[in-house]
C-alpha atoms as a PDB file:
ATOM      1  CA  UNK A   1     -62.822  49.297  -6.586  1.00  0.00           C
ATOM      2  CA  UNK A   2     -60.607  48.609  -3.585  1.00  0.00           C
ATOM      3  CA  UNK A   3     -61.563  46.007  -1.002  1.00  0.00           C
ATOM      4  CA  UNK A   4     -60.522  47.064   2.502  1.00  0.00           C
ATOM      5  CA  UNK A   5     -61.992  46.465   5.941  1.00  0.00           C
ATOM      6  CA  UNK A   6     -62.959  50.035   6.796  1.00  0.00           C
ATOM      7  CA  UNK A   7     -62.386  53.073   4.544  1.00  0.00           C
ATOM      8  CA  UNK A   8     -62.811  55.358   7.568  1.00  0.00           C
ATOM      9  CA  UNK A   9     -59.384  54.137   8.762  1.00  0.00           C
ATOM     10  CA  UNK A  10     -57.752  55.978   5.860  1.00  0.00           C
ATOM     11  CA  UNK A  11     -56.508  59.007   7.858  1.00  0.00           C
ATOM     12  CA  UNK A  12     -54.551  56.740  10.209  1.00  0.00           C
ATOM     13  CA  UNK A  13     -53.114  54.799   7.301  1.00  0.00           C
ATOM     14  CA  UNK A  14     -52.104  57.922   5.420  1.00  0.00           C
ATOM     15  CA  UNK A  15     -50.306  59.235   8.495  1.00  0.00           C
ATOM     16  CA  UNK A  16     -48.286  55.996   8.679  1.00  0.00           C
ATOM     17  CA  UNK A  17     -47.428  56.139   4.986  1.00  0.00           C
ATOM     18  CA  UNK A  18     -46.451  59.802   5.294  1.00  0.00           C
ATOM     19  CA  UNK A  19     -44.226  59.000   8.266  1.00  0.00           C
ATOM     20  CA  UNK A  20     -42.273  56.217   6.542  1.00  0.00           C
ATOM     21  CA  UNK A  21     -41.782  58.384   3.467  1.00  0.00           C
ATOM     22  CA  UNK A  22     -39.639  60.687   5.584  1.00  0.00           C
ATOM     23  CA  UNK A  23     -37.281  57.768   6.262  1.00  0.00           C
ATOM     24  CA  UNK A  24     -37.080  56.342   2.729  1.00  0.00           C
ATOM     25  CA  UNK A  25     -34.915  58.938   0.942  1.00  0.00           C
ATOM     26  CA  UNK A  26     -33.684  56.567  -1.762  1.00  0.00           C
ATOM     27  CA  UNK A  27     -37.206  55.730  -2.836  1.00  0.00           C
ATOM     28  CA  UNK A  28     -38.050  59.404  -2.568  1.00  0.00           C
ATOM     29  CA  UNK A  29     -35.341  60.344  -5.062  1.00  0.00           C
ATOM     30  CA  UNK A  30     -36.531  57.601  -7.410  1.00  0.00           C
ATOM     31  CA  UNK A  31     -40.072  58.920  -7.066  1.00  0.00           C
ATOM     32  CA  UNK A  32     -38.955  62.385  -8.161  1.00  0.00           C
ATOM     33  CA  UNK A  33     -37.383  60.935 -11.283  1.00  0.00           C
ATOM     34  CA  UNK A  34     -40.378  58.688 -11.943  1.00  0.00           C
ATOM     35  CA  UNK A  35     -42.738  61.662 -11.784  1.00  0.00           C
ATOM     36  CA  UNK A  36     -40.657  63.464 -14.393  1.00  0.00           C
ATOM     37  CA  UNK A  37     -39.903  60.587 -16.757  1.00  0.00           C
ATOM     38  CA  UNK A  38     -43.035  58.437 -16.339  1.00  0.00           C
ATOM     39  CA  UNK A  39     -41.212  55.142 -17.109  1.00  0.00           C
ATOM     40  CA  UNK A  40     -44.295  53.027 -16.355  1.00  0.00           C
ATOM     41  CA  UNK A  41     -46.774  55.014 -18.424  1.00  0.00           C
ATOM     42  CA  UNK A  42     -49.213  52.595 -20.016  1.00  0.00           C
ATOM     43  CA  UNK A  43     -48.127  49.680 -17.816  1.00  0.00           C
ATOM     44  CA  UNK A  44     -50.220  47.788 -15.285  1.00  0.00           C
ATOM     45  CA  UNK A  45     -48.362  46.485 -12.223  1.00  0.00           C
ATOM     46  CA  UNK A  46     -49.760  43.919  -9.770  1.00  0.00           C
ATOM     47  CA  UNK A  47     -48.077  43.805  -6.370  1.00  0.00           C
ATOM     48  CA  UNK A  48     -48.425  41.170  -3.645  1.00  0.00           C
ATOM     49  CA  UNK A  49     -46.447  42.093  -0.528  1.00  0.00           C
ATOM     50  CA  UNK A  50     -46.834  42.349   3.227  1.00  0.00           C
ATOM     51  CA  UNK A  51     -49.308  45.207   3.278  1.00  0.00           C
ATOM     52  CA  UNK A  52     -47.864  47.793   5.637  1.00  0.00           C
ATOM     53  CA  UNK A  53     -46.657  51.382   5.376  1.00  0.00           C
ATOM     54  CA  UNK A  54     -43.299  50.815   3.635  1.00  0.00           C
ATOM     55  CA  UNK A  55     -44.692  48.554   0.932  1.00  0.00           C
ATOM     56  CA  UNK A  56     -47.687  50.828   0.530  1.00  0.00           C
ATOM     57  CA  UNK A  57     -45.224  53.600  -0.232  1.00  0.00           C
ATOM     58  CA  UNK A  58     -43.607  51.383  -2.873  1.00  0.00           C
ATOM     59  CA  UNK A  59     -46.968  50.878  -4.562  1.00  0.00           C
ATOM     60  CA  UNK A  60     -47.635  54.600  -4.407  1.00  0.00           C
ATOM     61  CA  UNK A  61     -44.251  55.440  -5.962  1.00  0.00           C
ATOM     62  CA  UNK A  62     -44.896  53.014  -8.822  1.00  0.00           C
ATOM     63  CA  UNK A  63     -48.167  54.802  -9.480  1.00  0.00           C
ATOM     64  CA  UNK A  64     -46.372  58.154  -9.509  1.00  0.00           C
ATOM     65  CA  UNK A  65     -44.186  56.714 -12.264  1.00  0.00           C
ATOM     66  CA  UNK A  66     -47.220  56.316 -14.480  1.00  0.00           C
ATOM     67  CA  UNK A  67     -48.206  52.743 -13.656  1.00  0.00           C
ATOM     68  CA  UNK A  68     -51.714  51.586 -12.976  1.00  0.00           C
ATOM     69  CA  UNK A  69     -51.113  49.682  -9.741  1.00  0.00           C
ATOM     70  CA  UNK A  70     -53.126  47.082  -7.889  1.00  0.00           C
ATOM     71  CA  UNK A  71     -51.700  45.988  -4.544  1.00  0.00           C
ATOM     72  CA  UNK A  72     -52.690  43.174  -2.217  1.00  0.00           C
ATOM     73  CA  UNK A  73     -51.343  41.677   0.987  1.00  0.00           C
ATOM     74  CA  UNK A  74     -49.231  38.533   0.703  1.00  0.00           C
ATOM     75  CA  UNK A  75     -50.207  37.433   4.228  1.00  0.00           C
ATOM     76  CA  UNK A  76     -53.546  38.339   5.845  1.00  0.00           C
ATOM     77  CA  UNK A  77     -51.945  38.258   9.292  1.00  0.00           C
ATOM     78  CA  UNK A  78     -49.515  41.053   8.405  1.00  0.00           C
ATOM     79  CA  UNK A  79     -52.024  43.236   6.558  1.00  0.00           C
ATOM     80  CA  UNK A  80     -52.651  46.532   8.329  1.00  0.00           C
ATOM     81  CA  UNK A  81     -56.226  47.623   7.744  1.00  0.00           C
ATOM     82  CA  UNK A  82     -55.592  51.331   8.226  1.00  0.00           C
ATOM     83  CA  UNK A  83     -52.664  51.298   5.793  1.00  0.00           C
ATOM     84  CA  UNK A  84     -54.765  49.431   3.227  1.00  0.00           C
ATOM     85  CA  UNK A  85     -57.481  52.061   3.572  1.00  0.00           C
ATOM     86  CA  UNK A  86     -54.922  54.869   3.405  1.00  0.00           C
ATOM     87  CA  UNK A  87     -53.331  53.524   0.228  1.00  0.00           C
ATOM     88  CA  UNK A  88     -56.734  53.128  -1.401  1.00  0.00           C
ATOM     89  CA  UNK A  89     -57.473  56.717  -0.435  1.00  0.00           C
ATOM     90  CA  UNK A  90     -54.272  57.765  -2.221  1.00  0.00           C
ATOM     91  CA  UNK A  91     -55.652  56.330  -5.443  1.00  0.00           C
ATOM     92  CA  UNK A  92     -53.959  52.912  -5.538  1.00  0.00           C
ATOM     93  CA  UNK A  93     -56.386  50.026  -5.945  1.00  0.00           C
ATOM     94  CA  UNK A  94     -55.883  47.955  -2.796  1.00  0.00           C
ATOM     95  CA  UNK A  95     -57.200  44.532  -1.834  1.00  0.00           C
ATOM     96  CA  UNK A  96     -56.505  43.292   1.678  1.00  0.00           C
ATOM     97  CA  UNK A  97     -58.134  42.671   5.027  1.00  0.00           C
ATOM     98  CA  UNK A  98     -56.334  41.613   8.186  1.00  0.00           C
ATOM     99  CA  UNK A  99     -57.301  38.084   9.208  1.00  0.00           C
ATOM    100  CA  UNK A 100     -59.070  37.282   5.931  1.00  0.00           C
ATOM    101  CA  UNK A 101     -60.107  33.673   5.395  1.00  0.00           C
ATOM    102  CA  UNK A 102     -58.237  31.563   2.863  1.00  0.00           C
ATOM    103  CA  UNK A 103     -61.097  32.015   0.408  1.00  0.00           C
ATOM    104  CA  UNK A 104     -61.195  35.787   0.867  1.00  0.00           C
ATOM    105  CA  UNK A 105     -57.421  35.989   0.619  1.00  0.00           C
ATOM    106  CA  UNK A 106     -57.424  34.210  -2.719  1.00  0.00           C
ATOM    107  CA  UNK A 107     -60.232  36.427  -3.964  1.00  0.00           C
ATOM    108  CA  UNK A 108     -58.084  39.474  -3.157  1.00  0.00           C
ATOM    109  CA  UNK A 109     -55.217  38.007  -5.176  1.00  0.00           C
ATOM    110  CA  UNK A 110     -57.544  37.365  -8.096  1.00  0.00           C
ATOM    111  CA  UNK A 111     -58.918  40.908  -7.967  1.00  0.00           C
ATOM    112  CA  UNK A 112     -55.328  42.130  -8.153  1.00  0.00           C
ATOM    113  CA  UNK A 113     -54.812  40.191 -11.387  1.00  0.00           C
ATOM    114  CA  UNK A 114     -58.100  40.901 -13.130  1.00  0.00           C
ATOM    115  CA  UNK A 115     -56.757  43.960 -14.944  1.00  0.00           C
ATOM    116  CA  UNK A 116     -54.243  41.754 -16.777  1.00  0.00           C
ATOM    117  CA  UNK A 117     -50.946  43.141 -15.489  1.00  0.00           C
ATOM    118  CA  UNK A 118     -47.861  43.703 -17.583  1.00  0.00           C
ATOM    119  CA  UNK A 119     -45.580  43.325 -14.551  1.00  0.00           C
ATOM    120  CA  UNK A 120     -45.883  41.657 -11.156  1.00  0.00           C
ATOM    121  CA  UNK A 121     -44.053  41.965  -7.860  1.00  0.00           C
ATOM    122  CA  UNK A 122     -44.641  38.776  -5.880  1.00  0.00           C
ATOM    123  CA  UNK A 123     -43.864  37.608  -2.345  1.00  0.00           C
ATOM    124  CA  UNK A 124     -44.320  33.889  -1.851  1.00  0.00           C
ATOM    125  CA  UNK A 125     -45.337  32.994  -5.380  1.00  0.00           C
ATOM    126  CA  UNK A 126     -49.103  33.336  -5.017  1.00  0.00           C
ATOM    127  CA  UNK A 127     -49.585  35.619  -8.022  1.00  0.00           C
ATOM    128  CA  UNK A 128     -47.328  33.480 -10.197  1.00  0.00           C
ATOM    129  CA  UNK A 129     -49.132  30.307  -9.118  1.00  0.00           C
ATOM    130  CA  UNK A 130     -52.506  31.779 -10.026  1.00  0.00           C
ATOM    131  CA  UNK A 131     -51.234  33.054 -13.377  1.00  0.00           C
ATOM    132  CA  UNK A 132     -49.886  29.577 -14.052  1.00  0.00           C
ATOM    133  CA  UNK A 133     -53.214  27.980 -13.152  1.00  0.00           C
ATOM    134  CA  UNK A 134     -56.782  29.135 -12.688  1.00  0.00           C
ATOM    135  CA  UNK A 135     -55.964  32.748 -13.607  1.00  0.00           C
ATOM    136  CA  UNK A 136     -53.923  32.009 -16.726  1.00  0.00           C
ATOM    137  CA  UNK A 137     -56.324  34.131 -18.763  1.00  0.00           C
ATOM    138  CA  UNK A 138     -55.153  37.192 -16.828  1.00  0.00           C
ATOM    139  CA  UNK A 139     -51.550  36.665 -17.901  1.00  0.00           C
ATOM    140  CA  UNK A 140     -51.800  37.222 -21.638  1.00  0.00           C
ATOM    141  CA  UNK A 141     -50.272  40.725 -21.373  1.00  0.00           C
ATOM    142  CA  UNK A 142     -47.578  39.728 -18.890  1.00  0.00           C
ATOM    143  CA  UNK A 143     -44.049  40.897 -19.654  1.00  0.00           C
ATOM    144  CA  UNK A 144     -42.522  39.493 -16.478  1.00  0.00           C
ATOM    145  CA  UNK A 145     -41.981  40.027 -12.797  1.00  0.00           C
ATOM    146  CA  UNK A 146     -39.898  39.401  -9.735  1.00  0.00           C
ATOM    147  CA  UNK A 147     -40.171  37.188  -6.674  1.00  0.00           C
ATOM    148  CA  UNK A 148     -38.866  38.486  -3.377  1.00  0.00           C
ATOM    149  CA  UNK A 149     -38.490  35.198  -1.513  1.00  0.00           C
ATOM    150  CA  UNK A 150     -36.893  31.809  -2.012  1.00  0.00           C
ATOM    151  CA  UNK A 151     -40.247  30.317  -0.966  1.00  0.00           C
ATOM    152  CA  UNK A 152     -41.791  31.520  -4.186  1.00  0.00           C
ATOM    153  CA  UNK A 153     -38.937  30.112  -6.243  1.00  0.00           C
ATOM    154  CA  UNK A 154     -39.239  26.752  -4.488  1.00  0.00           C
ATOM    155  CA  UNK A 155     -42.894  26.694  -5.504  1.00  0.00           C
ATOM    156  CA  UNK A 156     -41.888  27.338  -9.113  1.00  0.00           C
ATOM    157  CA  UNK A 157     -39.309  24.565  -8.989  1.00  0.00           C
ATOM    158  CA  UNK A 158     -41.880  22.158  -7.576  1.00  0.00           C
ATOM    159  CA  UNK A 159     -44.320  23.012 -10.358  1.00  0.00           C
ATOM    160  CA  UNK A 160     -41.603  22.555 -12.959  1.00  0.00           C
ATOM    161  CA  UNK A 161     -40.639  19.149 -11.575  1.00  0.00           C
ATOM    162  CA  UNK A 162     -44.296  18.146 -11.661  1.00  0.00           C
ATOM    163  CA  UNK A 163     -44.413  19.053 -15.342  1.00  0.00           C
ATOM    164  CA  UNK A 164     -46.912  21.848 -14.807  1.00  0.00           C
ATOM    165  CA  UNK A 165     -47.032  24.816 -17.149  1.00  0.00           C
ATOM    166  CA  UNK A 166     -46.019  28.021 -15.497  1.00  0.00           C
ATOM    167  CA  UNK A 167     -45.078  31.644 -15.862  1.00  0.00           C
ATOM    168  CA  UNK A 168     -41.523  32.243 -14.740  1.00  0.00           C
ATOM    169  CA  UNK A 169     -40.213  35.163 -12.772  1.00  0.00           C
ATOM    170  CA  UNK A 170     -36.915  36.264 -11.292  1.00  0.00           C
ATOM    171  CA  UNK A 171     -35.800  35.837  -7.705  1.00  0.00           C
ATOM    172  CA  UNK A 172     -33.818  38.794  -6.395  1.00  0.00           C
ATOM    173  CA  UNK A 173     -32.996  37.025  -3.133  1.00  0.00           C
ATOM    174  CA  UNK A 174     -31.159  33.957  -4.404  1.00  0.00           C
ATOM    175  CA  UNK A 175     -28.051  34.548  -6.494  1.00  0.00           C
ATOM    176  CA  UNK A 176     -27.602  32.084  -9.314  1.00  0.00           C
ATOM    177  CA  UNK A 177     -31.138  30.818  -8.825  1.00  0.00           C
ATOM    178  CA  UNK A 178     -33.836  30.432 -11.419  1.00  0.00           C
ATOM    179  CA  UNK A 179     -33.828  33.192 -13.996  1.00  0.00           C
ATOM    180  CA  UNK A 180     -36.575  34.218 -16.280  1.00  0.00           C
ATOM    181  CA  UNK A 181     -37.188  37.613 -17.687  1.00  0.00           C
ATOM    182  CA  UNK A 182     -39.578  39.832 -19.495  1.00  0.00           C
ATOM    183  CA  UNK A 183     -40.748  38.147 -22.666  1.00  0.00           C
ATOM    184  CA  UNK A 184     -39.584  40.473 -25.423  1.00  0.00           C
ATOM    185  CA  UNK A 185     -40.309  38.740 -28.713  1.00  0.00           C
ATOM    186  CA  UNK A 186     -37.961  35.818 -29.209  1.00  0.00           C
ATOM    187  CA  UNK A 187     -35.408  37.077 -26.746  1.00  0.00           C
ATOM    188  CA  UNK A 188     -35.549  36.996 -22.992  1.00  0.00           C
ATOM    189  CA  UNK A 189     -34.344  39.821 -20.841  1.00  0.00           C
ATOM    190  CA  UNK A 190     -34.100  40.139 -17.075  1.00  0.00           C
ATOM    191  CA  UNK A 191     -33.587  43.370 -15.176  1.00  0.00           C
ATOM    192  CA  UNK A 192     -31.661  42.681 -11.985  1.00  0.00           C
ATOM    193  CA  UNK A 193     -31.802  45.238  -9.192  1.00  0.00           C
ATOM    194  CA  UNK A 194     -30.034  45.358  -5.878  1.00  0.00           C
ATOM    195  CA  UNK A 195     -26.562  45.303  -4.416  1.00  0.00           C
ATOM    196  CA  UNK A 196     -23.610  45.009  -6.782  1.00  0.00           C
ATOM    197  CA  UNK A 197     -22.678  41.483  -5.712  1.00  0.00           C
ATOM    198  CA  UNK A 198     -26.251  40.255  -6.061  1.00  0.00           C
ATOM    199  CA  UNK A 199     -26.684  41.782  -9.506  1.00  0.00           C
ATOM    200  CA  UNK A 200     -23.494  40.284 -10.906  1.00  0.00           C
ATOM    201  CA  UNK A 201     -23.992  37.000  -9.064  1.00  0.00           C
ATOM    202  CA  UNK A 202     -27.208  36.657 -11.004  1.00  0.00           C
ATOM    203  CA  UNK A 203     -25.963  38.133 -14.258  1.00  0.00           C
ATOM    204  CA  UNK A 204     -22.845  36.028 -14.779  1.00  0.00           C
ATOM    205  CA  UNK A 205     -24.501  32.579 -15.163  1.00  0.00           C
ATOM    206  CA  UNK A 206     -27.437  33.929 -17.142  1.00  0.00           C
ATOM    207  CA  UNK A 207     -26.062  33.551 -20.709  1.00  0.00           C
ATOM    208  CA  UNK A 208     -25.805  29.796 -20.170  1.00  0.00           C
ATOM    209  CA  UNK A 209     -29.580  29.757 -19.833  1.00  0.00           C
ATOM    210  CA  UNK A 210     -30.116  31.787 -22.982  1.00  0.00           C
ATOM    211  CA  UNK A 211     -31.190  34.819 -20.983  1.00  0.00           C
ATOM    212  CA  UNK A 212     -29.710  38.281 -21.241  1.00  0.00           C
ATOM    213  CA  UNK A 213     -29.493  40.028 -17.874  1.00  0.00           C
ATOM    214  CA  UNK A 214     -29.531  43.791 -17.626  1.00  0.00           C
ATOM    215  CA  UNK A 215     -28.005  44.732 -14.239  1.00  0.00           C
ATOM    216  CA  UNK A 216     -29.740  47.715 -12.677  1.00  0.00           C
ATOM    217  CA  UNK A 217     -27.656  49.570 -10.114  1.00  0.00           C
ATOM    218  CA  UNK A 218     -29.311  51.687  -7.473  1.00  0.00           C
ATOM    219  CA  UNK A 219     -26.208  53.733  -6.708  1.00  0.00           C
ATOM    220  CA  UNK A 220     -23.536  55.570  -8.684  1.00  0.00           C
ATOM    221  CA  UNK A 221     -20.654  53.389  -7.410  1.00  0.00           C
ATOM    222  CA  UNK A 222     -22.298  50.229  -8.693  1.00  0.00           C
ATOM    223  CA  UNK A 223     -23.004  51.903 -12.002  1.00  0.00           C
ATOM    224  CA  UNK A 224     -19.354  52.956 -12.481  1.00  0.00           C
ATOM    225  CA  UNK A 225     -17.965  49.532 -11.513  1.00  0.00           C
ATOM    226  CA  UNK A 226     -20.362  47.799 -13.877  1.00  0.00           C
ATOM    227  CA  UNK A 227     -19.267  50.004 -16.739  1.00  0.00           C
ATOM    228  CA  UNK A 228     -15.618  49.345 -15.871  1.00  0.00           C
ATOM    229  CA  UNK A 229     -16.041  45.600 -16.387  1.00  0.00           C
ATOM    230  CA  UNK A 230     -17.893  46.115 -19.645  1.00  0.00           C
ATOM    231  CA  UNK A 231     -21.453  45.387 -18.546  1.00  0.00           C
ATOM    232  CA  UNK A 232     -24.500  46.999 -20.071  1.00  0.00           C
ATOM    233  CA  UNK A 233     -26.086  48.545 -17.042  1.00  0.00           C
ATOM    234  CA  UNK A 234     -28.975  50.799 -16.112  1.00  0.00           C
ATOM    235  CA  UNK A 235     -29.782  53.052 -13.211  1.00  0.00           C
ATOM    236  CA  UNK A 236     -33.569  52.793 -13.010  1.00  0.00           C
ATOM    237  CA  UNK A 237     -35.476  49.575 -12.414  1.00  0.00           C
ATOM    238  CA  UNK A 238     -37.307  48.488 -15.545  1.00  0.00           C
ATOM    239  CA  UNK A 239     -36.113  51.525 -17.468  1.00  0.00           C
ATOM    240  CA  UNK A 240     -35.371  49.141 -20.310  1.00  0.00           C
ATOM    241  CA  UNK A 241     -39.106  48.832 -20.873  1.00  0.00           C
ATOM    242  CA  UNK A 242     -39.668  52.538 -21.454  1.00  0.00           C
ATOM    243  CA  UNK A 243     -39.578  52.335 -25.233  1.00  0.00           C
ATOM    244  CA  UNK A 244     -41.484  49.082 -25.560  1.00  0.00           C
ATOM    245  CA  UNK A 245     -45.056  49.413 -26.704  1.00  0.00           C
ATOM    246  CA  UNK A 246     -47.448  47.208 -24.732  1.00  0.00           C
END
């Protein structure tokens, strides 16, 4: 069950989400394909982001692609209570309250992980840190994830230097940074999404780390260029996981 400040704020939050959807055509086109193909069917996705209308829409689109989604705010000061209520009202389990105490904030993160996600989307490394520590038991089904900020990667590096066990993820914001992908048997695979230069900046050094990177282009031009240089490339984020049983 979602944890939000006031469920009666849902109409306001839904209006905000509806408004931003009109200005996110790329995500809208992906949503249409997700609804048809259901690439996340059977997958659980935990998301920790600044909880506002645009990111709420992201969580909603993931759910339309078949995923069971739990979403929390990565910063209590940026969480919008009406959007949190609106997203919960749309059927996405949501955990976030503006101005939550440190204890309450951590409890929201933990609630987001309790369903043992297959994939995570992190902002700041809080989910990864918990899965590498007190919430390790919730990570036994984890295939992998992504980190939006260099802050989260710096936290991973610090843990690694301290000799602490950890779950790795992939930073989309720092080309050539730490790579770690979805754990597929004995092989590692990362799906890299974003601009062409970012995708290839990350993909090129990857083989030296024993990791295969699958560039995912979000536009036709990037797709064609990738094929021209002989790269295995996809068009839909995480589409590579469609045929994997979890």
